[in-house]
N, C-alpha and C. Protein backbone atom coordinates (compact mmCIF):
# COMPACT_ATOMS: atom_id res chain seq x y z
N MET A 1 -11.29 -2.87 6.75
CA MET A 1 -9.92 -2.61 6.12
C MET A 1 -10.19 -1.01 6.42
N LYS A 2 -8.79 -0.58 6.99
CA LYS A 2 -8.50 1.01 7.06
C LYS A 2 -7.79 1.39 5.92
N ARG A 3 -8.23 2.62 5.23
CA ARG A 3 -7.33 3.11 4.32
C ARG A 3 -6.93 4.65 4.95
N TYR A 4 -5.68 4.84 4.41
CA TYR A 4 -5.24 6.23 4.93
C TYR A 4 -4.48 6.64 3.79
N VAL A 5 -4.31 8.00 3.55
CA VAL A 5 -3.31 8.69 2.63
C VAL A 5 -2.13 9.66 3.47
N LEU A 6 -1.17 9.58 3.14
CA LEU A 6 0.19 10.32 3.72
C LEU A 6 0.89 11.04 2.36
N SER A 7 1.38 12.12 2.70
CA SER A 7 2.33 12.85 1.84
C SER A 7 3.31 12.06 1.54
N PHE A 8 4.30 12.13 0.60
CA PHE A 8 5.55 11.48 0.37
C PHE A 8 6.22 11.54 1.61
N ALA A 9 6.43 13.06 1.99
CA ALA A 9 7.48 13.26 2.81
C ALA A 9 7.28 12.67 4.15
N ASP A 10 5.84 12.42 4.55
CA ASP A 10 5.48 11.67 5.89
C ASP A 10 5.47 10.42 6.00
N SER A 11 5.39 9.99 4.57
CA SER A 11 5.68 8.50 4.49
C SER A 11 6.92 7.62 4.77
N ILE A 12 7.89 8.72 4.37
CA ILE A 12 9.15 8.09 4.60
C ILE A 12 9.69 7.76 6.17
N THR A 13 9.04 8.36 7.17
CA THR A 13 9.27 7.91 8.53
C THR A 13 8.10 7.41 9.13
N HIS A 14 6.86 7.17 8.16
CA HIS A 14 5.86 6.42 9.08
C HIS A 14 6.10 5.09 9.65
N LYS A 15 5.54 4.76 10.79
CA LYS A 15 5.62 3.41 10.96
C LYS A 15 4.22 2.86 11.52
N PRO A 16 3.67 2.32 10.63
CA PRO A 16 2.34 1.59 10.80
C PRO A 16 2.04 1.04 12.22
N ALA A 17 0.82 1.03 12.38
CA ALA A 17 0.44 0.45 14.01
C ALA A 17 0.68 -1.30 13.92
N ALA A 18 0.04 -1.64 12.76
CA ALA A 18 0.26 -3.24 12.30
C ALA A 18 1.06 -3.38 11.29
N PRO A 19 2.24 -3.44 11.06
CA PRO A 19 3.11 -3.68 9.82
C PRO A 19 3.03 -4.67 9.26
N ASP A 20 2.87 -5.79 10.00
CA ASP A 20 2.79 -7.59 9.43
C ASP A 20 1.18 -7.57 8.71
N ARG A 21 0.28 -6.43 8.53
CA ARG A 21 -0.79 -6.96 7.82
C ARG A 21 -1.25 -5.32 7.06
N THR A 22 -0.26 -4.42 6.90
CA THR A 22 -0.13 -3.13 6.09
C THR A 22 0.36 -3.26 5.15
N ALA A 23 -0.41 -2.73 3.93
CA ALA A 23 0.50 -2.58 2.35
C ALA A 23 0.43 -1.17 1.93
N LYS A 24 1.13 -0.49 1.04
CA LYS A 24 0.99 0.83 0.62
C LYS A 24 1.29 0.53 -1.01
N ARG A 25 0.57 1.66 -1.48
CA ARG A 25 0.68 1.99 -3.13
C ARG A 25 0.79 3.26 -3.22
N ASN A 26 1.30 3.93 -4.50
CA ASN A 26 1.34 5.04 -4.98
C ASN A 26 -0.08 5.74 -5.45
N CYS A 27 -0.48 6.95 -4.97
CA CYS A 27 -1.44 7.46 -5.67
C CYS A 27 -1.39 8.55 -6.70
N GLY A 28 -2.40 8.90 -7.41
CA GLY A 28 -2.09 9.53 -8.65
C GLY A 28 -2.23 8.89 -9.96
N GLY A 29 -3.28 8.13 -9.78
CA GLY A 29 -3.49 7.19 -11.11
C GLY A 29 -4.27 7.99 -12.10
N ASP A 30 -4.53 9.24 -11.90
CA ASP A 30 -5.24 10.22 -13.00
C ASP A 30 -4.24 10.86 -13.91
N GLY A 31 -2.93 10.71 -13.79
CA GLY A 31 -2.12 11.23 -14.89
C GLY A 31 -1.28 12.29 -13.92
N SER A 32 -1.90 12.97 -12.87
CA SER A 32 -1.25 14.07 -12.02
C SER A 32 -0.25 13.96 -11.46
N LEU A 33 0.41 15.03 -11.15
CA LEU A 33 1.79 14.54 -10.17
C LEU A 33 1.37 14.70 -8.77
N ASN A 34 1.04 13.52 -8.31
CA ASN A 34 0.67 13.36 -7.01
C ASN A 34 1.64 11.97 -6.37
N PHE A 35 2.23 12.60 -5.67
CA PHE A 35 3.36 11.57 -4.97
C PHE A 35 2.90 11.27 -3.72
N ASP A 36 1.60 11.18 -3.17
CA ASP A 36 1.06 11.01 -1.96
C ASP A 36 1.19 9.14 -2.23
N VAL A 37 0.90 8.41 -0.58
CA VAL A 37 1.25 7.33 -0.32
C VAL A 37 -0.16 6.78 0.42
N GLU A 38 -0.84 5.51 -0.44
CA GLU A 38 -1.98 5.21 0.27
C GLU A 38 -1.76 3.82 0.87
N TYR A 39 -2.21 4.26 2.15
CA TYR A 39 -1.86 2.44 3.22
C TYR A 39 -3.31 2.14 3.14
N GLN A 40 -2.95 0.63 3.50
CA GLN A 40 -4.34 -0.22 3.78
C GLN A 40 -4.06 -1.31 4.91
N VAL A 41 -4.69 -1.21 5.84
CA VAL A 41 -4.64 -2.13 6.77
C VAL A 41 -5.59 -3.21 6.64
N TRP A 42 -5.23 -4.44 6.33
CA TRP A 42 -6.16 -5.71 6.17
C TRP A 42 -6.33 -6.03 7.64
N PRO A 43 -7.69 -7.17 7.75
CA PRO A 43 -7.80 -7.76 9.20
C PRO A 43 -6.82 -8.94 9.22
N SER A 44 -6.50 -9.54 8.40
CA SER A 44 -5.00 -10.70 8.84
C SER A 44 -4.07 -10.69 7.72
N ARG A 45 -3.04 -11.00 7.91
CA ARG A 45 -1.75 -11.07 7.29
C ARG A 45 -2.03 -11.98 6.08
N GLY A 46 -2.63 -12.85 6.31
CA GLY A 46 -3.14 -13.83 5.32
C GLY A 46 -4.14 -13.16 3.98
N ALA A 47 -4.89 -12.50 4.41
CA ALA A 47 -5.51 -11.76 3.59
C ALA A 47 -4.95 -10.43 2.59
N MET A 48 -3.91 -10.12 3.46
CA MET A 48 -2.86 -9.16 2.60
C MET A 48 -2.51 -9.90 1.35
N LEU A 49 -1.83 -10.73 2.27
CA LEU A 49 -0.75 -11.50 1.17
C LEU A 49 -1.51 -12.09 -0.07
N LYS A 50 -2.66 -12.56 -0.10
CA LYS A 50 -3.75 -13.26 -0.87
C LYS A 50 -4.00 -11.96 -2.03
N THR A 51 -4.30 -10.82 -1.59
CA THR A 51 -4.50 -9.58 -2.22
C THR A 51 -3.18 -9.46 -3.27
N ILE A 52 -2.11 -9.31 -2.56
CA ILE A 52 -0.88 -9.20 -3.36
C ILE A 52 -0.44 -10.30 -4.18
N GLU A 53 -0.63 -11.51 -3.81
CA GLU A 53 -0.46 -12.47 -4.61
C GLU A 53 -1.65 -12.56 -6.18
N LEU A 54 -2.62 -12.29 -5.89
CA LEU A 54 -3.61 -12.03 -6.76
C LEU A 54 -3.49 -10.96 -8.09
N GLN A 55 -2.72 -10.09 -7.44
CA GLN A 55 -2.75 -8.82 -8.28
C GLN A 55 -1.35 -8.99 -9.41
N ALA A 56 -0.37 -9.76 -8.38
CA ALA A 56 0.76 -10.41 -9.19
C ALA A 56 0.47 -11.02 -10.33
N ARG A 57 -0.64 -11.72 -10.44
CA ARG A 57 -0.67 -12.90 -11.17
C ARG A 57 -1.22 -11.93 -12.91
N GLY A 58 -1.51 -10.48 -12.27
CA GLY A 58 -1.76 -9.75 -13.81
C GLY A 58 -0.63 -8.91 -14.16
N GLU A 59 -0.78 -8.03 -15.14
CA GLU A 59 0.09 -7.00 -15.51
C GLU A 59 0.82 -6.07 -14.42
N ARG A 60 2.29 -6.12 -14.51
CA ARG A 60 2.70 -5.30 -13.46
C ARG A 60 2.08 -3.55 -13.33
N SER A 61 2.23 -3.06 -12.37
CA SER A 61 1.87 -1.78 -12.12
C SER A 61 2.33 -0.88 -11.07
N ARG A 62 2.60 0.23 -11.02
CA ARG A 62 3.02 1.02 -9.83
C ARG A 62 2.00 1.16 -9.04
N PHE A 63 0.92 0.96 -9.07
CA PHE A 63 -0.38 1.30 -8.24
C PHE A 63 -0.59 -0.12 -7.55
N ASN A 64 0.08 -1.16 -7.77
CA ASN A 64 -0.28 -2.32 -6.86
C ASN A 64 0.08 -2.39 -5.55
N TRP A 65 -0.49 -2.87 -4.62
CA TRP A 65 0.05 -3.07 -3.13
C TRP A 65 1.18 -3.55 -2.88
N LYS A 66 1.90 -3.25 -2.08
CA LYS A 66 3.19 -3.69 -1.88
C LYS A 66 3.10 -3.78 -0.38
N ALA A 67 3.80 -4.89 0.26
CA ALA A 67 3.88 -5.02 1.81
C ALA A 67 4.71 -3.95 2.37
N VAL A 68 4.41 -3.41 3.62
CA VAL A 68 5.29 -2.77 4.17
C VAL A 68 6.41 -3.17 4.89
N GLN A 69 7.61 -2.81 4.82
CA GLN A 69 8.83 -3.62 5.31
C GLN A 69 8.73 -3.05 6.91
N SER A 70 9.09 -4.35 7.69
CA SER A 70 8.85 -3.67 9.07
C SER A 70 10.31 -3.71 9.71
């Protein structure tokens, strides 16, 4: 899996190379004002969807992975 972080401004126009298996989430879990966006590319779409499904069973968080809209 590949992870990378972009600034909020760069994330607005960012087009991932593999949008079908890429998800994003907000950074800044330490309480600071960090508006960066973290992206992760999974090896398959199924693996990404399984991760999102498993985290949905727990408490909602703004740091949960969300599938990138293509």
